[in-house]
Protein backbone atom coordinates (compact mmCIF):
# COMPACT_ATOMS: atom_id res chain seq x y z
CA MET A 1 0.03 7.16 -2.74
CA ALA A 2 0.56 10.91 -2.30
CA LEU A 3 4.07 11.14 -3.77
CA PRO A 4 5.36 8.57 -6.29
CA ILE A 5 9.02 9.19 -5.43
CA ASN A 6 11.38 8.12 -2.67
CA PHE A 7 10.23 10.28 0.27
CA PRO A 8 10.94 8.31 3.47
CA ASP A 9 10.25 9.36 7.06
CA PRO A 10 7.85 12.18 6.12
CA ALA A 11 6.87 14.91 8.57
CA LEU A 12 3.84 17.16 8.39
CA LEU A 13 3.25 20.88 9.00
CA GLN A 14 0.25 23.11 8.28
CA VAL A 15 0.68 26.88 7.90
CA GLY A 16 -2.50 28.71 6.91
CA ASP A 17 -4.03 26.88 3.95
CA THR A 18 -0.82 25.13 2.94
CA TRP A 19 0.43 21.70 3.99
CA TYR A 20 4.17 21.04 4.05
CA ALA A 21 5.81 17.62 4.08
CA TYR A 22 9.51 17.17 4.86
CA SER A 23 11.55 14.04 4.22
CA THR A 24 14.88 12.32 4.67
CA SER A 25 17.77 13.42 2.43
CA ASN A 26 17.99 12.17 -1.14
CA ILE A 27 21.75 12.79 -1.40
CA PRO A 28 23.37 11.33 -3.48
CA HIS A 29 20.78 11.67 -6.24
CA ALA A 30 21.34 10.07 -9.63
CA ASN A 31 19.24 12.56 -11.60
CA GLY A 32 20.55 15.86 -10.30
CA PRO A 33 21.38 17.70 -7.09
CA GLY A 34 19.95 16.18 -3.97
CA TYR A 35 18.77 17.90 -0.83
CA HIS A 36 19.57 17.43 2.84
CA VAL A 37 15.82 17.79 3.46
CA GLN A 38 13.22 17.12 0.79
CA LEU A 39 10.11 19.33 0.73
CA ALA A 40 6.64 18.99 -0.79
CA THR A 41 3.52 21.14 -0.49
CA SER A 42 -0.23 20.74 -0.91
CA LYS A 43 -3.31 22.94 -0.69
CA ASP A 44 -5.80 20.11 -0.24
CA PHE A 45 -3.83 17.26 1.40
CA VAL A 46 -4.48 15.23 -1.75
CA SER A 47 -2.32 16.64 -4.56
CA TRP A 48 1.31 17.17 -3.58
CA SER A 49 4.14 18.92 -5.43
CA ILE A 50 7.86 18.51 -4.79
CA ILE A 51 9.71 21.80 -4.34
CA ILE A 52 12.66 21.73 -6.74
CA GLY A 53 15.73 23.92 -6.37
CA ASN A 54 15.34 24.63 -2.66
CA ASP A 55 17.02 22.79 0.20
CA PRO A 56 15.35 23.86 3.47
CA LEU A 57 18.57 22.86 5.30
CA PRO A 58 21.49 24.02 3.12
CA SER A 59 23.97 22.93 5.81
CA PRO A 60 23.40 20.45 8.67
CA GLY A 61 25.95 22.32 10.81
CA ASP A 62 29.61 22.11 11.73
CA TRP A 63 28.94 19.28 14.18
CA ALA A 64 27.67 17.05 11.35
CA HIS A 65 29.87 14.93 9.10
CA GLY A 66 31.12 17.15 6.28
CA SER A 67 31.05 14.88 3.23
CA GLU A 68 28.29 12.42 4.22
CA PRO A 69 25.95 13.91 6.84
CA ARG A 70 23.07 11.58 5.86
CA VAL A 71 20.24 13.75 7.18
CA TRP A 72 17.29 11.66 8.33
CA ALA A 73 13.72 12.11 9.53
CA PRO A 74 13.24 15.89 9.81
CA ASP A 75 10.34 17.44 11.71
CA VAL A 76 9.21 21.10 11.71
CA MET A 77 7.01 23.18 14.01
CA GLN A 78 5.85 26.77 13.80
CA LEU A 79 6.70 28.56 17.07
CA ALA A 80 5.57 32.08 16.10
CA PRO A 81 4.42 33.81 12.89
CA ASP A 82 8.01 34.22 11.76
CA ARG A 83 9.81 31.47 13.69
CA PHE A 84 10.02 27.82 12.67
CA VAL A 85 12.19 25.10 14.21
CA LEU A 86 13.52 22.09 12.32
CA TYR A 87 14.63 18.95 14.13
CA TYR A 88 16.65 16.38 12.21
CA ALA A 89 19.20 13.59 12.63
CA ALA A 90 22.61 13.78 10.99
CA ARG A 91 25.75 11.72 11.10
CA SER A 92 28.20 12.98 13.71
CA ARG A 93 31.49 14.51 12.58
CA ASP A 94 33.29 13.34 15.73
CA SER A 95 31.59 9.93 16.00
CA PRO A 96 30.64 9.03 12.43
CA GLN A 97 29.31 5.61 13.40
CA VAL A 98 26.24 7.29 14.91
CA HIS A 99 23.72 10.01 14.18
CA CYS A 100 22.84 12.89 16.50
CA VAL A 101 19.72 15.06 16.68
CA GLY A 102 20.17 18.68 15.65
CA THR A 103 18.05 21.81 15.53
CA ALA A 104 17.80 24.70 13.07
CA ILE A 105 15.75 27.90 12.95
CA SER A 106 14.14 29.80 10.06
CA ASN A 107 11.60 32.59 9.54
CA SER A 108 9.90 30.56 6.81
CA PRO A 109 8.60 26.97 6.54
CA ILE A 110 10.66 26.52 3.35
CA GLY A 111 13.89 27.69 5.00
CA PRO A 112 16.68 28.31 4.87
CA PHE A 113 17.01 26.79 8.34
CA ILE A 114 20.17 27.85 10.18
CA PRO A 115 21.59 25.02 12.31
CA SER A 116 22.53 25.37 15.96
CA PRO A 117 26.27 25.10 16.65
CA LYS A 118 25.91 21.94 18.72
CA PRO A 119 23.63 18.89 18.49
CA PHE A 120 20.51 18.77 20.64
CA ALA A 121 21.00 15.13 21.66
CA CYS A 122 23.95 12.86 20.99
CA PRO A 123 24.12 9.83 23.32
CA VAL A 124 27.11 8.26 21.54
CA SER A 125 27.54 5.40 24.01
CA GLY A 126 23.90 4.38 23.46
CA GLY A 127 24.15 4.46 19.67
CA GLY A 128 23.33 8.11 19.00
CA ALA A 129 19.89 9.60 18.41
CA ILE A 130 17.52 9.67 15.42
CA ASP A 131 13.86 10.26 14.47
CA PRO A 132 13.06 13.48 16.37
CA ASP A 133 9.46 14.66 16.68
CA ILE A 134 8.27 17.91 18.27
CA PHE A 135 4.92 18.15 20.08
CA ARG A 136 2.97 21.02 21.70
CA ASP A 137 0.57 20.00 24.47
CA VAL A 138 -2.73 21.71 25.29
CA ASP A 139 -1.01 23.58 28.17
CA ASN A 140 1.41 25.03 25.57
CA LYS A 141 4.39 23.06 26.85
CA LEU A 142 6.74 21.75 24.18
CA TYR A 143 8.33 18.31 24.02
CA VAL A 144 10.66 16.45 21.70
CA THR A 145 10.70 12.69 21.33
CA TYR A 146 13.46 10.72 19.64
CA LYS A 147 14.99 7.25 19.47
CA VAL A 148 18.27 6.30 21.13
CA ASP A 149 19.62 4.18 18.29
CA GLY A 150 21.12 1.15 19.99
CA SER A 151 20.70 -0.75 16.74
CA ALA A 152 23.42 1.45 15.20
CA ILE A 153 26.10 -0.08 17.42
CA ALA A 154 24.65 -3.54 18.04
CA PRO A 155 26.73 -6.51 16.85
CA GLY A 156 24.57 -7.92 14.07
CA GLY A 157 21.38 -9.37 12.67
CA ALA A 158 18.35 -7.46 11.40
CA CYS A 159 19.04 -3.72 11.52
CA GLY A 160 22.19 -4.60 13.46
CA ASN A 161 20.13 -5.63 16.48
CA GLY A 162 18.59 -8.92 15.42
CA ASP A 163 20.32 -11.36 17.75
CA PRO A 164 18.20 -11.72 20.92
CA ALA A 165 21.31 -12.65 22.90
CA THR A 166 23.08 -9.37 22.16
CA ARG A 167 20.28 -6.89 21.51
CA LEU A 168 20.75 -3.36 22.79
CA PRO A 169 17.96 -1.03 23.95
CA THR A 170 16.30 1.30 21.44
CA PRO A 171 14.29 3.50 23.82
CA LEU A 172 12.01 6.35 22.81
CA ILE A 173 12.95 9.45 24.77
CA LEU A 174 10.95 12.48 25.92
CA GLN A 175 12.63 15.86 26.45
CA GLU A 176 10.71 18.95 27.52
CA ILE A 177 11.97 22.11 25.81
CA ASP A 178 11.65 25.86 26.29
CA GLN A 179 9.37 28.05 24.17
CA ASP A 180 12.39 28.95 22.03
CA GLY A 181 12.01 25.45 20.61
CA VAL A 182 15.60 24.33 21.21
CA THR A 183 16.57 24.64 24.91
CA PRO A 184 16.04 21.51 27.05
CA ILE A 185 14.14 21.78 30.34
CA GLY A 186 15.05 19.17 32.94
CA PRO A 187 16.35 15.69 32.24
CA ALA A 188 15.36 13.44 29.35
CA GLU A 189 13.04 10.54 30.21
CA VAL A 190 12.45 7.09 28.70
CA LEU A 191 8.89 6.66 27.45
CA LEU A 192 9.01 3.21 25.90
CA ASP A 193 11.42 0.54 24.71
CA ARG A 194 11.28 -2.52 22.49
CA ASP A 195 10.09 -5.90 23.73
CA ASP A 196 10.11 -9.34 22.14
CA GLY A 197 7.04 -8.53 20.05
CA ASP A 198 8.82 -5.57 18.44
CA GLY A 199 11.71 -7.49 16.95
CA PRO A 200 15.06 -5.67 16.99
CA LEU A 201 13.80 -2.14 17.65
CA ILE A 202 11.17 0.52 17.94
CA GLU A 203 11.64 3.92 16.27
CA ALA A 204 10.01 6.91 14.55
CA PRO A 205 7.97 8.27 17.49
CA SER A 206 5.18 10.78 16.92
CA LEU A 207 3.18 12.23 19.81
CA ALA A 208 -0.44 13.35 19.60
CA ARG A 209 -3.38 13.91 21.93
CA ALA A 210 -7.15 13.48 21.66
CA GLY A 211 -9.18 14.53 24.68
CA ASP A 212 -7.49 13.14 27.78
CA THR A 213 -5.59 10.41 25.95
CA TYR A 214 -2.07 10.70 24.60
CA PHE A 215 -1.02 8.59 21.64
CA LEU A 216 2.60 7.70 20.93
CA PHE A 217 2.85 6.32 17.40
CA PHE A 218 5.95 4.33 16.50
CA SER A 219 7.33 1.71 14.12
CA SER A 220 8.72 -1.68 15.09
CA ASN A 221 10.82 -4.36 13.39
CA CYS A 222 13.41 -3.48 10.74
CA PHE A 223 12.57 -1.05 7.94
CA ASN A 224 13.69 -3.51 5.25
CA VAL A 225 11.48 -6.46 6.26
CA LEU A 226 7.79 -7.16 5.63
CA GLY A 227 7.06 -6.98 9.36
CA TYR A 228 7.86 -3.26 9.58
CA ASP A 229 4.74 -1.53 10.83
CA VAL A 230 3.06 1.40 12.52
CA SER A 231 1.67 0.87 15.99
CA TYR A 232 1.00 3.05 19.02
CA ALA A 233 0.88 3.26 22.79
CA THR A 234 -1.47 5.22 25.03
CA ALA A 235 -1.17 7.13 28.30
CA ARG A 236 -3.05 9.62 30.45
CA SER A 237 0.06 11.75 30.93
CA VAL A 238 2.65 12.76 28.37
CA ARG A 239 5.26 11.31 30.73
CA GLY A 240 3.45 8.00 30.96
CA PRO A 241 3.18 5.28 32.01
CA TRP A 242 2.65 4.14 28.43
CA ALA A 243 0.81 0.96 27.43
CA LYS A 244 1.36 -0.50 23.97
CA ALA A 245 -1.80 -1.17 22.00
CA HIS A 246 -2.75 -4.82 21.49
CA SER A 247 -5.43 -6.46 19.36
CA PRO A 248 -8.25 -7.36 19.41
CA ALA A 249 -9.18 -4.68 21.97
CA GLN A 250 -7.27 -2.07 19.96
CA THR A 251 -6.38 -1.70 16.29
CA ALA A 252 -2.75 -2.77 16.55
CA PRO A 253 -0.62 -2.79 14.54
CA LEU A 254 -2.29 0.18 12.94
CA LEU A 255 -0.57 -0.25 9.56
CA LEU A 256 1.03 -3.46 8.31
CA THR A 257 2.02 -5.07 5.02
CA ASP A 258 -1.07 -6.08 2.98
CA MET A 259 -3.43 -4.62 5.57
CA TYR A 260 -4.97 -2.34 2.96
CA ARG A 261 -5.00 -4.18 -0.35
CA GLY A 262 -6.69 -1.27 -2.12
CA VAL A 263 -3.52 0.80 -1.94
CA PRO A 264 -2.04 0.74 -5.46
CA PRO A 265 -0.09 -0.68 -7.13
CA GLY A 266 0.32 -3.90 -5.14
CA GLY A 267 -0.87 -3.25 -1.62
CA LEU A 268 0.85 -1.51 1.25
CA VAL A 269 4.33 -2.94 1.98
CA ALA A 270 6.42 -2.23 5.10
CA PRO A 271 4.65 0.98 6.20
CA GLY A 272 6.40 3.12 8.78
CA GLY A 273 7.77 6.48 9.81
CA ILE A 274 4.37 8.02 10.56
CA ASP A 275 3.87 11.66 11.59
CA VAL A 276 0.52 12.95 12.83
CA ILE A 277 -1.14 16.31 13.46
CA ALA A 278 -4.26 16.56 15.62
CA ASN A 279 -7.25 18.34 14.07
CA GLY A 280 -8.78 19.16 17.46
CA ASP A 281 -11.89 17.04 16.92
CA GLY A 282 -10.50 13.61 17.76
CA THR A 283 -9.12 13.08 14.26
CA PHE A 284 -5.57 13.37 12.95
CA LYS A 285 -3.93 14.00 9.61
CA ALA A 286 -1.08 11.58 9.02
CA VAL A 287 1.75 10.97 6.58
CA PHE A 288 3.89 7.84 6.44
CA HIS A 289 6.01 5.92 3.97
CA GLY A 290 5.51 2.53 2.40
CA SER A 291 6.97 0.44 -0.39
CA ASP A 292 5.28 -1.57 -3.14
CA GLN A 293 7.94 -4.24 -3.68
CA LYS A 294 7.97 -7.22 -1.34
CA ASN A 295 11.09 -8.70 -2.93
CA ASP A 296 13.21 -5.54 -2.94
CA LEU A 297 12.86 -3.86 0.45
CA PRO A 298 13.21 -1.11 1.33
CA GLY A 299 13.09 -0.15 -2.35
CA THR A 300 11.34 3.13 -3.04
CA ARG A 301 9.58 4.41 0.06
CA TYR A 302 6.64 6.47 -1.20
CA MET A 303 4.70 8.98 0.89
CA TYR A 304 1.12 8.07 1.79
CA THR A 305 -1.48 10.18 3.58
CA ALA A 306 -4.30 9.14 5.89
CA THR A 307 -6.92 10.47 8.27
CA LEU A 308 -7.06 8.78 11.67
CA ARG A 309 -9.67 8.92 14.41
CA ALA A 310 -9.29 8.33 18.12
CA ASN A 311 -11.88 5.95 19.53
CA GLY A 312 -11.23 5.88 23.27
CA ASN A 313 -7.76 4.42 23.58
CA SER A 314 -7.83 2.95 20.09
CA ILE A 315 -7.12 4.44 16.66
CA ASP A 316 -9.12 3.88 13.47
CA VAL A 317 -7.99 4.60 9.91
CA LEU A 318 -10.78 6.44 8.12
């Protein structure tokens, strides 16, 4: 456990010799002022410190709901020495039943990030958009992935989308963007969607590459059940076609409740929301959240760290 506090949907950034981790909002917070985006730092990827008194995103923007924006799942990339882009999901002011993906720019990894005047993606009829992740390919092209959140408007069951007869799609979307980090290039494309083995949804995409293989990490099932997990799909092109990993040929799911009993205090419970950064040698640094209470999910979602290794089209946890 890297952070013994509620720090769900963590995202990872390295700038020089410092690691930054960003997390879903903790507003409202019972013990003091909360933040739209939580922030922690580390020099060694082992010991992490929460940054107190600084909200990297002081305002989610005029397009976001004013009193309850509910900022989720931020992700940050460095575009230039003094330019950083933050992607995040926030509740829509005009359609408060859904979230939209927004962007914000800063000259520092700790902010303040200044939001764009309009959301980046807001497919209201599909359930809105959440869980953005930004990825730079080896040819320097930039892409954003996110989830169209059909489960937000589905009629019921687990995560609102649990009834097989009425389930709505929860596709993971790819959008190429300009080098400014915020301007879309061409149309958005569907990379992957849920199937019967995923339960009500897939979400929390994170793109990475090792050699000639692309890896699309994601979570499936509902975040408040024991079956929530981290899995992945592989492709030879960032645009696909993508093939979900399946055991025993591949290590899938990659992370699952009780899979690693050595994780204190009671084993790993409902892991999800992974974010990965490639090291350039076939390994990845990763952060994800997990609980420790099987009878009180989601409970406190702590941040965990891991090192992963690509082994052909499979992933190993080191």
